[in-house]
C-alpha cells in the first residue's frame, strides 16, 4: 500500500495525498514562504476556553522565552494570594530599591512609594510595568526568589510542564522558559478560576494624573469581542501575544510567539480568532488535535531570535529588550492608529479585521498611589448606577441598558478604583509624578542565550 501524508496549513488538514506528491507540494510551499527558518521561528496555538479543544497548533509545544507574558503568572499567583486571604486588593506594598532598578517599561515611582495591590495589578497589565511586577512579588512573598518559587509551584500544579520562572516580569534571565501550550493552560486557568477579576486583563487604558496609558494589546480596543490578555517582547523571543476573545458565548485563546513585529503578531492573532469563530478550515478533513493538556511537549532548547529580531544588520531600528519601552508600539494611541492605517494599506483583508475602535469601550480607569479612597469605595458599594457602569464596561453594554435589562449590578471585582470614570481621580497631592521620558532608548542589551 502506498504511504500517504496529510497536508497541513496553519494547523488544519486540507487533504490526504500520496507521500511523494506531498513532499513535492511541501517543498514548493516552503520555497514560497521564503525558507524554513521563518516558519520554524514562530509558534501559534488556538484553543477553546470551555472545552480546552485545540483548533490550531503550530510549534505549540516548542519551548520559548516568554518575555512579558510572564506577568500572567505573576497575576495568577497574586490572585491566589488574595483568594487565600494572605493579602487584599487594598493591601499597600512599598516600592523597593530593587523595584526602582528595573528596566523600562515601568511606572518609575520613587523609592518608598506605596501602591495598593489593585492599582499595581492594573499598572502591571496595562503598562506592563516591570517595577510593579517586582513590587507585587516582594509584597506577596518577601522576595523575587520566593515569589519565583510560588510561580513555579503554581505553573507545575496547572500542568505547565515546559515552564520555569526566575523573575516576575519576564526580563531576560537564564531558565525563564515556557511554551504556547503552557500559556494556553495558564490563560484558561485565569479565566476559569478567577472570573470575578477578568476586567484586569482587558482594561483598554489607565489614567495616572493627566497621563493616559493604553494597553499594548491593540486587539482590546480594535477587535470586536477581544477581552484579553498580555503582550511580551525580548529580542530572543520575538513578539509574543496571548489574546482572548468572546463571541456568541464562545471564548477562544489565540497565542502567537516569535512574530517579527508587534503589527504582525496582532494580525496573526486576529486571523486565528476569526477562523476559530467562523469555523474556517474545520471540516471532516480536520484531524482531532485533542485538548491543550494532551499536546506532547518537545524536549529542545528555545529558539533564540536575537539576531533575526534585533541584530545589527536587521532592517528595523534597534529597540530595548522590553517592547513597552519602545515608543513605536501599541501602548501609544498615535502609534496604534498608525499601525492600523499601515495594516489596512498593505493588507486590506487582514487589516479589515480590526475596527477603528470597539463600540462601548470603557474610558481609561484611574490609578493612583497611596491608600484606597474610602469615600469612593463606599459609593461604589451602595450606588447601583455605579455598579451597573462597571458591569456594563465589562459586558459592552451601556449602564442604562444593564439596569433596564435587570442584570445583577453587584460585583466582587476589585475596589472602587476599578470604576470606569475619571470622577474619582485623587487629588494631585496624592500622586507621585512620573519621571520625564528619556530622549533616547537605553543601549540594547544582549538577550538570554
Protein backbone atom coordinates (compact mmCIF):
# COMPACT_ATOMS: atom_id res chain seq x y z
CA UNK A 1 0.00 0.00 0.00
CA UNK A 2 1.35 3.39 -0.97
CA UNK A 3 2.08 5.54 2.06
CA UNK A 4 0.09 8.71 2.43
CA UNK A 5 0.65 12.00 4.18
CA UNK A 6 -1.81 14.58 5.45
CA UNK A 7 -1.14 18.14 4.38
CA UNK A 8 -1.39 20.88 6.98
CA UNK A 9 -1.78 24.59 6.61
CA UNK A 10 -1.94 26.76 9.73
CA UNK A 11 -2.72 23.68 11.78
CA UNK A 12 -5.63 22.48 9.65
CA UNK A 13 -5.67 19.43 7.37
CA UNK A 14 -6.89 20.07 3.86
CA UNK A 15 -6.13 16.82 2.04
CA UNK A 16 -4.62 13.35 2.23
CA UNK A 17 -2.28 12.65 -0.69
CA UNK A 18 0.44 10.16 -1.65
CA UNK A 19 3.65 10.84 0.25
CA UNK A 20 5.81 11.52 -2.80
CA UNK A 21 3.41 14.14 -4.14
CA UNK A 22 3.03 15.63 -0.69
CA UNK A 23 6.79 16.10 -0.35
CA UNK A 24 6.84 18.00 -3.63
CA UNK A 25 3.98 20.25 -2.56
CA UNK A 26 5.61 20.91 0.81
CA UNK A 27 8.94 21.76 -0.83
CA UNK A 28 7.27 24.26 -3.16
CA UNK A 29 5.31 25.75 -0.26
CA UNK A 30 8.44 26.21 1.83
CA UNK A 31 10.17 27.99 -1.04
CA UNK A 32 7.13 30.21 -1.50
CA UNK A 33 7.24 31.15 2.16
CA UNK A 34 10.85 32.21 1.90
CA UNK A 35 12.50 29.22 3.55
CA UNK A 36 12.14 27.08 6.63
CA UNK A 37 13.68 29.45 9.18
CA UNK A 38 10.78 31.91 9.33
CA UNK A 39 8.17 29.16 9.60
CA UNK A 40 10.12 27.48 12.37
CA UNK A 41 10.63 30.76 14.22
CA UNK A 42 7.01 31.11 15.27
CA UNK A 43 4.63 29.19 17.48
CA UNK A 44 0.86 29.52 17.23
CA UNK A 45 -1.99 27.93 19.12
CA UNK A 46 -5.77 28.38 19.08
CA UNK A 47 -7.83 26.84 21.89
CA UNK A 48 -11.45 26.85 23.04
CA UNK A 49 -11.65 28.08 26.64
CA UNK A 50 -14.57 25.98 27.81
CA UNK A 51 -13.51 22.60 26.41
CA UNK A 52 -9.77 23.10 26.03
CA UNK A 53 -10.10 21.80 22.46
CA UNK A 54 -7.19 22.64 20.18
CA UNK A 55 -8.29 24.21 16.89
CA UNK A 56 -4.84 25.07 15.55
CA UNK A 57 -1.33 24.16 16.65
CA UNK A 58 1.98 25.14 15.06
CA UNK A 59 5.10 24.51 17.15
CA UNK A 60 2.76 24.75 20.12
CA UNK A 61 4.96 22.63 22.38
CA UNK A 62 8.30 24.13 21.37
CA UNK A 63 10.00 25.81 24.36
CA UNK A 64 10.02 29.60 24.13
CA UNK A 65 11.22 32.66 26.03
CA UNK A 66 8.02 34.19 27.50
CA UNK A 67 9.08 37.85 27.90
CA UNK A 68 6.30 39.95 29.46
CA UNK A 69 3.60 37.31 29.10
CA UNK A 70 5.33 36.09 32.27
CA UNK A 71 3.19 38.69 34.03
CA UNK A 72 0.13 36.48 33.55
CA UNK A 73 1.65 34.08 36.06
CA UNK A 74 2.54 37.00 38.33
CA UNK A 75 -1.14 37.93 38.20
CA UNK A 76 -2.23 34.33 38.81
CA UNK A 77 -0.05 33.95 41.92
CA UNK A 78 -1.19 37.34 43.25
CA UNK A 79 -4.87 36.44 42.78
CA UNK A 80 -4.27 33.12 44.53
CA UNK A 81 -2.77 35.03 47.46
CA UNK A 82 -5.89 37.21 47.59
CA UNK A 83 -8.15 34.17 47.43
CA UNK A 84 -6.20 32.55 50.28
CA UNK A 85 -6.61 35.67 52.44
CA UNK A 86 -2.89 36.44 52.58
CA UNK A 87 -3.46 39.92 51.09
CA UNK A 88 -6.37 42.03 49.85
CA UNK A 89 -6.79 44.36 46.90
CA UNK A 90 -6.43 47.26 49.36
CA UNK A 91 -3.12 45.99 50.82
CA UNK A 92 -0.36 48.59 50.44
CA UNK A 93 3.03 47.49 49.12
CA UNK A 94 6.10 49.73 49.12
CA UNK A 95 8.39 50.38 46.15
CA UNK A 96 11.84 48.98 46.99
CA UNK A 97 15.27 49.81 45.59
CA UNK A 98 15.03 46.60 43.62
CA UNK A 99 11.78 47.75 42.01
CA UNK A 100 13.24 51.17 41.23
CA UNK A 101 16.19 49.49 39.47
CA UNK A 102 14.02 47.61 36.95
CA UNK A 103 14.33 48.40 33.25
CA UNK A 104 11.50 50.03 31.30
CA UNK A 105 8.69 49.59 30.82
CA UNK A 106 7.90 50.80 34.34
CA UNK A 107 5.90 53.38 36.24
CA UNK A 108 9.07 54.92 37.64
CA UNK A 109 7.82 55.64 41.16
CA UNK A 110 10.45 56.82 43.68
CA UNK A 111 11.74 54.61 46.47
CA UNK A 112 9.23 54.29 49.31
CA UNK A 113 6.10 55.00 47.23
CA UNK A 114 3.11 52.97 48.40
CA UNK A 115 0.74 51.33 45.92
CA UNK A 116 -2.32 49.15 46.56
CA UNK A 117 -2.41 45.66 45.11
CA UNK A 118 -5.38 46.69 42.97
CA UNK A 119 -3.56 49.62 41.38
CA UNK A 120 -0.32 47.67 40.99
CA UNK A 121 -2.16 44.92 39.07
CA UNK A 122 -3.73 47.46 36.70
CA UNK A 123 -0.35 49.06 36.02
CA UNK A 124 1.17 45.60 35.57
CA UNK A 125 -1.39 44.51 32.99
CA UNK A 126 -1.87 47.73 31.01
CA UNK A 127 1.51 49.46 31.24
CA UNK A 128 3.37 46.13 31.61
CA UNK A 129 5.25 47.82 34.43
CA UNK A 130 8.31 45.80 35.45
CA UNK A 131 8.66 47.71 38.72
CA UNK A 132 5.07 46.82 39.67
CA UNK A 133 5.84 43.15 38.99
CA UNK A 134 8.69 43.33 41.49
CA UNK A 135 6.54 45.28 43.97
CA UNK A 136 3.89 42.53 43.86
CA UNK A 137 6.48 39.75 44.08
CA UNK A 138 8.21 41.23 47.10
CA UNK A 139 4.91 42.16 48.72
CA UNK A 140 3.33 38.74 48.28
CA UNK A 141 6.32 36.50 49.01
CA UNK A 142 9.00 38.68 50.58
CA UNK A 143 11.49 38.38 47.72
CA UNK A 144 11.73 37.77 44.00
CA UNK A 145 13.30 34.37 44.63
CA UNK A 146 10.47 33.19 46.89
CA UNK A 147 7.86 34.56 44.51
CA UNK A 148 9.52 32.74 41.60
CA UNK A 149 9.21 29.55 43.65
CA UNK A 150 5.49 30.23 44.03
CA UNK A 151 5.23 30.93 40.31
CA UNK A 152 6.88 27.61 39.50
CA UNK A 153 4.72 25.73 42.02
CA UNK A 154 1.57 27.27 40.53
CA UNK A 155 2.66 26.56 36.95
CA UNK A 156 3.52 22.95 37.65
CA UNK A 157 0.31 22.50 39.60
CA UNK A 158 -1.60 23.58 36.49
CA UNK A 159 0.29 21.09 34.33
CA UNK A 160 2.61 23.65 32.69
CA UNK A 161 5.37 21.08 32.35
CA UNK A 162 7.54 23.14 29.99
CA UNK A 163 7.60 26.27 32.14
CA UNK A 164 10.13 27.64 34.61
CA UNK A 165 10.44 31.14 36.05
CA UNK A 166 13.27 33.19 37.52
CA UNK A 167 11.62 36.62 37.80
CA UNK A 168 8.08 38.06 37.81
CA UNK A 169 8.37 40.38 34.81
CA UNK A 170 9.94 38.35 32.00
CA UNK A 171 13.12 40.36 31.51
CA UNK A 172 15.92 38.16 30.08
CA UNK A 173 17.13 35.51 32.51
CA UNK A 174 18.54 32.01 32.25
CA UNK A 175 15.84 29.45 32.86
CA UNK A 176 12.85 31.71 32.07
CA UNK A 177 11.06 29.39 29.62
CA UNK A 178 7.52 28.42 28.61
CA UNK A 179 5.58 27.23 25.53
CA UNK A 180 2.39 28.13 23.69
CA UNK A 181 0.81 25.02 25.19
CA UNK A 182 1.63 26.08 28.73
CA UNK A 183 0.46 29.65 28.14
CA UNK A 184 -2.91 28.38 26.91
CA UNK A 185 -3.23 26.27 30.07
CA UNK A 186 -2.42 29.36 32.15
CA UNK A 187 -4.89 31.59 30.28
CA UNK A 188 -7.66 29.01 30.75
CA UNK A 189 -6.86 28.81 34.47
CA UNK A 190 -7.10 32.58 34.91
CA UNK A 191 -10.43 32.75 33.09
CA UNK A 192 -11.96 29.73 34.83
CA UNK A 193 -10.61 30.20 38.35
CA UNK A 194 -10.90 33.99 38.65
CA UNK A 195 -13.89 35.12 36.56
CA UNK A 196 -14.64 37.88 39.07
CA UNK A 197 -11.30 39.53 38.21
CA UNK A 198 -11.47 39.28 34.42
CA UNK A 199 -11.53 43.05 33.97
CA UNK A 200 -7.85 43.10 34.93
CA UNK A 201 -6.79 41.52 31.65
CA UNK A 202 -8.94 43.55 29.32
CA UNK A 203 -8.61 47.12 30.58
CA UNK A 204 -8.06 49.26 27.46
CA UNK A 205 -6.28 52.12 29.23
CA UNK A 206 -5.38 53.57 32.63
CA UNK A 207 -5.04 57.19 33.70
CA UNK A 208 -2.46 58.39 36.20
CA UNK A 209 -2.87 62.10 36.85
CA UNK A 210 -3.11 63.65 33.39
CA UNK A 211 -1.26 60.83 31.68
CA UNK A 212 -3.26 58.16 29.82
CA UNK A 213 -1.53 54.83 29.10
CA UNK A 214 -3.13 52.49 26.59
CA UNK A 215 -2.89 48.72 26.68
CA UNK A 216 -0.10 47.30 24.50
CA UNK A 217 -2.55 44.78 23.07
CA UNK A 218 -4.36 46.69 20.27
CA UNK A 219 -6.92 43.91 19.88
CA UNK A 220 -8.63 45.06 23.08
CA UNK A 221 -9.51 48.40 21.51
CA UNK A 222 -9.83 47.32 17.88
CA UNK A 223 -11.01 43.70 17.57
CA UNK A 224 -14.71 43.13 18.32
CA UNK A 225 -15.07 40.67 21.17
CA UNK A 226 -11.46 40.89 22.40
CA UNK A 227 -11.20 40.59 26.18
CA UNK A 228 -7.52 39.91 26.97
CA UNK A 229 -4.73 39.25 27.76
CA UNK A 230 -1.00 40.17 27.52
CA UNK A 231 1.83 41.06 25.16
CA UNK A 232 5.54 40.37 25.51
CA UNK A 233 8.84 41.04 23.79
CA UNK A 234 12.54 40.49 24.24
CA UNK A 235 14.96 40.14 21.35
CA UNK A 236 15.44 36.42 21.98
CA UNK A 237 11.71 35.66 21.91
CA UNK A 238 10.41 37.94 19.20
CA UNK A 239 6.97 39.48 19.61
CA UNK A 240 4.59 37.40 21.75
CA UNK A 241 0.87 37.70 22.40
CA UNK A 242 -1.71 35.81 24.43
CA UNK A 243 -5.08 37.04 23.13
CA UNK A 244 -8.61 36.10 24.15
CA UNK A 245 -11.95 36.99 22.61
CA UNK A 246 -15.61 36.07 23.05
CA UNK A 247 -18.47 35.93 20.55
CA UNK A 248 -21.87 34.32 20.93
CA UNK A 249 -20.86 32.69 24.23
CA UNK A 250 -17.80 31.12 22.59
CA UNK A 251 -14.45 32.15 24.04
CA UNK A 252 -11.13 31.48 22.35
CA UNK A 253 -7.46 31.83 23.23
CA UNK A 254 -5.01 32.68 20.44
CA UNK A 255 -1.29 32.57 21.15
CA UNK A 256 1.43 33.90 18.86
CA UNK A 257 5.10 33.56 19.84
CA UNK A 258 8.06 34.82 17.84
CA UNK A 259 6.32 37.20 15.43
CA UNK A 260 8.67 39.61 13.62
CA UNK A 261 6.82 42.74 14.79
CA UNK A 262 4.01 43.94 17.04
CA UNK A 263 1.81 44.54 14.00
CA UNK A 264 2.43 41.01 12.71
CA UNK A 265 1.51 39.34 15.99
CA UNK A 266 -1.68 41.42 16.22
CA UNK A 267 -2.85 40.46 12.73
CA UNK A 268 -1.87 36.79 13.15
CA UNK A 269 -3.86 36.57 16.37
CA UNK A 270 -6.87 38.33 14.80
CA UNK A 271 -6.80 35.97 11.83
CA UNK A 272 -6.64 32.93 14.09
CA UNK A 273 -9.53 34.16 16.21
CA UNK A 274 -11.58 34.93 13.11
CA UNK A 275 -11.06 31.43 11.72
CA UNK A 276 -11.98 29.95 15.08
CA UNK A 277 -15.21 31.92 15.38
CA UNK A 278 -16.19 31.28 11.76
CA UNK A 279 -15.19 27.62 11.74
CA UNK A 280 -12.97 28.14 8.70
CA UNK A 281 -10.85 25.11 7.84
CA UNK A 282 -12.82 22.94 10.25
CA UNK A 283 -14.42 20.03 8.40
CA UNK A 284 -14.40 16.25 8.23
CA UNK A 285 -10.86 16.60 6.82
CA UNK A 286 -9.65 18.27 10.01
CA UNK A 287 -7.82 15.92 12.37
CA UNK A 288 -8.72 15.76 16.02
CA UNK A 289 -5.92 17.58 17.81
CA UNK A 290 -7.31 16.78 21.26
CA UNK A 291 -7.17 19.18 24.19
CA UNK A 292 -4.38 21.54 25.09
CA UNK A 293 -3.35 19.39 28.06
CA UNK A 294 -2.86 16.42 25.71
CA UNK A 295 -0.33 18.17 23.47
CA UNK A 296 3.02 16.41 23.76
CA UNK A 297 5.92 18.64 24.91
CA UNK A 298 9.09 18.81 22.82
CA UNK A 299 12.41 18.43 24.63
CA UNK A 300 14.56 21.07 22.93
CA UNK A 301 16.19 24.42 23.72
CA UNK A 302 14.10 27.51 22.93
CA UNK A 303 14.98 29.31 19.69
CA UNK A 304 16.99 32.48 20.13
CA UNK A 305 15.73 35.12 17.69
CA UNK A 306 18.05 37.87 18.90
CA UNK A 307 19.97 38.25 15.64
CA UNK A 308 16.85 37.98 13.49
CA UNK A 309 14.82 40.49 15.51
CA UNK A 310 17.45 42.87 16.92
CA UNK A 311 20.68 42.09 15.02
CA UNK A 312 22.77 44.97 13.72
CA UNK A 313 22.01 44.03 10.12
CA UNK A 314 18.28 43.87 10.74
CA UNK A 315 16.25 46.47 8.87
CA UNK A 316 14.34 47.55 11.97
CA UNK A 317 15.83 50.12 14.29
CA UNK A 318 17.38 48.80 17.48
CA UNK A 319 15.00 48.69 20.39
CA UNK A 320 15.19 47.96 24.09
CA UNK A 321 14.84 44.41 25.40
CA UNK A 322 11.35 45.16 26.61
CA UNK A 323 8.91 46.20 23.88
CA UNK A 324 6.93 48.53 26.06
CA UNK A 325 9.92 50.85 26.37
CA UNK A 326 9.67 51.45 22.64
CA UNK A 327 7.60 54.43 21.55
CA UNK A 328 6.54 52.76 18.31
CA UNK A 329 4.48 50.04 19.92
CA UNK A 330 0.81 49.64 20.74
CA UNK A 331 0.68 51.50 24.05
CA UNK A 332 0.79 54.86 22.31
CA UNK A 333 -2.60 55.79 20.79
CA UNK A 334 -1.00 57.61 17.85
CA UNK A 335 1.17 54.55 17.19
CA UNK A 336 -1.91 52.32 17.32
CA UNK A 337 -3.71 54.47 14.76
CA UNK A 338 -0.64 54.49 12.54
CA UNK A 339 -0.29 50.71 12.81
CA UNK A 340 -3.93 50.14 11.88
CA UNK A 341 -3.64 52.53 8.94
CA UNK A 342 -0.49 50.80 7.70
CA UNK A 343 -2.10 47.39 8.06
CA UNK A 344 -5.11 48.44 6.01
CA UNK A 345 -2.88 49.95 3.37
CA UNK A 346 -0.60 46.93 2.99
CA UNK A 347 -3.04 44.11 3.71
CA UNK A 348 -6.63 45.22 3.36
CA UNK A 349 -8.09 41.79 4.07
CA UNK A 350 -6.13 41.34 7.30
CA UNK A 351 -6.49 44.95 8.39
CA UNK A 352 -10.25 44.85 7.93
CA UNK A 353 -10.45 42.52 10.93
CA UNK A 354 -9.57 45.46 13.16
CA UNK A 355 -12.05 48.28 13.67
CA UNK A 356 -11.04 51.88 14.30
CA UNK A 357 -12.45 51.36 17.79
CA UNK A 358 -14.71 48.91 19.59
CA UNK A 359 -18.18 50.27 20.47
CA UNK A 360 -19.00 50.88 24.15
CA UNK A 361 -15.36 50.68 25.21
CA UNK A 362 -14.85 51.90 28.76
CA UNK A 363 -12.94 55.15 29.42
CA UNK A 364 -9.45 54.97 30.97
CA UNK A 365 -9.51 53.61 34.53
CA UNK A 366 -7.96 55.93 37.10
CA UNK A 367 -4.99 54.56 39.03
CA UNK A 368 -3.11 56.24 41.86
CA UNK A 369 -0.55 55.79 44.59
CA UNK A 370 -1.25 55.71 48.30
CA UNK A 371 -4.15 54.14 50.20
CA UNK A 372 -7.57 53.50 48.64
CA UNK A 373 -10.11 56.29 48.77
CA UNK A 374 -12.66 55.25 51.39
CA UNK A 375 -15.44 57.56 50.26
CA UNK A 376 -15.29 56.23 46.73
CA UNK A 377 -15.33 52.61 47.91
CA UNK A 378 -18.44 53.29 49.96
CA UNK A 379 -20.21 54.91 46.99
CA UNK A 380 -19.27 52.05 44.70
CA UNK A 381 -20.76 49.51 47.08
CA UNK A 382 -24.08 51.33 47.56
CA UNK A 383 -24.90 53.11 44.30
CA UNK A 384 -26.50 50.69 41.77
CA UNK A 385 -25.75 53.05 38.90
CA UNK A 386 -22.04 52.92 39.63
CA UNK A 387 -22.10 49.16 39.91
CA UNK A 388 -24.06 48.98 36.65
CA UNK A 389 -21.44 51.16 34.96
CA UNK A 390 -18.72 48.69 35.89
CA UNK A 391 -20.81 45.74 34.76
CA UNK A 392 -21.63 47.50 31.50
CA UNK A 393 -17.96 48.22 30.85
CA UNK A 394 -17.21 44.53 31.19
CA UNK A 395 -20.14 43.37 29.05
CA UNK A 396 -20.08 46.01 26.31
CA UNK A 397 -23.47 47.47 27.26
CA UNK A 398 -24.40 50.95 28.34
CA UNK A 399 -25.06 51.40 32.06
CA UNK A 400 -28.69 52.27 31.32
CA UNK A 401 -29.02 49.13 29.24
CA UNK A 402 -27.63 46.97 32.01
CA UNK A 403 -30.10 48.41 34.50
CA UNK A 404 -33.03 48.13 32.09
CA UNK A 405 -32.16 44.51 31.35
CA UNK A 406 -32.41 43.74 35.05
CA UNK A 407 -28.94 42.20 35.18
CA UNK A 408 -27.33 41.89 38.61
CA UNK A 409 -25.44 45.04 39.39
CA UNK A 410 -23.31 43.68 42.19
CA UNK A 411 -19.72 42.68 41.55
CA UNK A 412 -16.95 41.12 43.55
CA UNK A 413 -14.34 42.63 41.28
CA UNK A 414 -11.73 44.86 42.81
CA UNK A 415 -12.23 48.08 44.71
CA UNK A 416 -13.65 51.38 43.65
CA UNK A 417 -10.67 52.42 41.54
CA UNK A 418 -11.84 49.83 39.00
CA UNK A 419 -14.83 52.01 38.13
CA UNK A 420 -14.62 53.31 34.55
CA UNK A 421 -14.79 57.00 35.34
CA UNK A 422 -12.42 59.89 35.94
CA UNK A 423 -14.73 61.38 38.56
CA UNK A 424 -12.84 59.80 41.42
CA UNK A 425 -9.28 60.77 40.49
CA UNK A 426 -7.21 61.51 43.60
CA UNK A 427 -6.00 64.99 44.31
CA UNK A 428 -2.64 65.87 42.71
CA UNK A 429 -1.01 65.87 46.15
CA UNK A 430 -1.81 62.16 46.45
CA UNK A 431 0.05 61.29 43.29
CA UNK A 432 3.72 60.76 42.63
CA UNK A 433 4.74 62.46 39.37
CA UNK A 434 6.14 60.21 36.68
CA UNK A 435 9.69 60.91 35.53
CA UNK A 436 10.01 62.51 32.13
CA UNK A 437 10.86 60.05 29.36
CA UNK A 438 14.49 59.92 28.34
CA UNK A 439 15.24 61.33 24.88
CA UNK A 440 16.95 58.11 23.79
CA UNK A 441 16.36 54.44 24.48
CA UNK A 442 18.79 52.65 26.72
CA UNK A 443 21.58 50.78 24.92
CA UNK A 444 20.38 47.44 23.68
CA UNK A 445 21.47 44.57 25.91
CA UNK A 446 22.04 41.04 24.78
CA UNK A 447 19.14 38.68 25.27
CA UNK A 448 19.31 35.35 27.03
CA UNK A 449 21.28 32.85 25.01
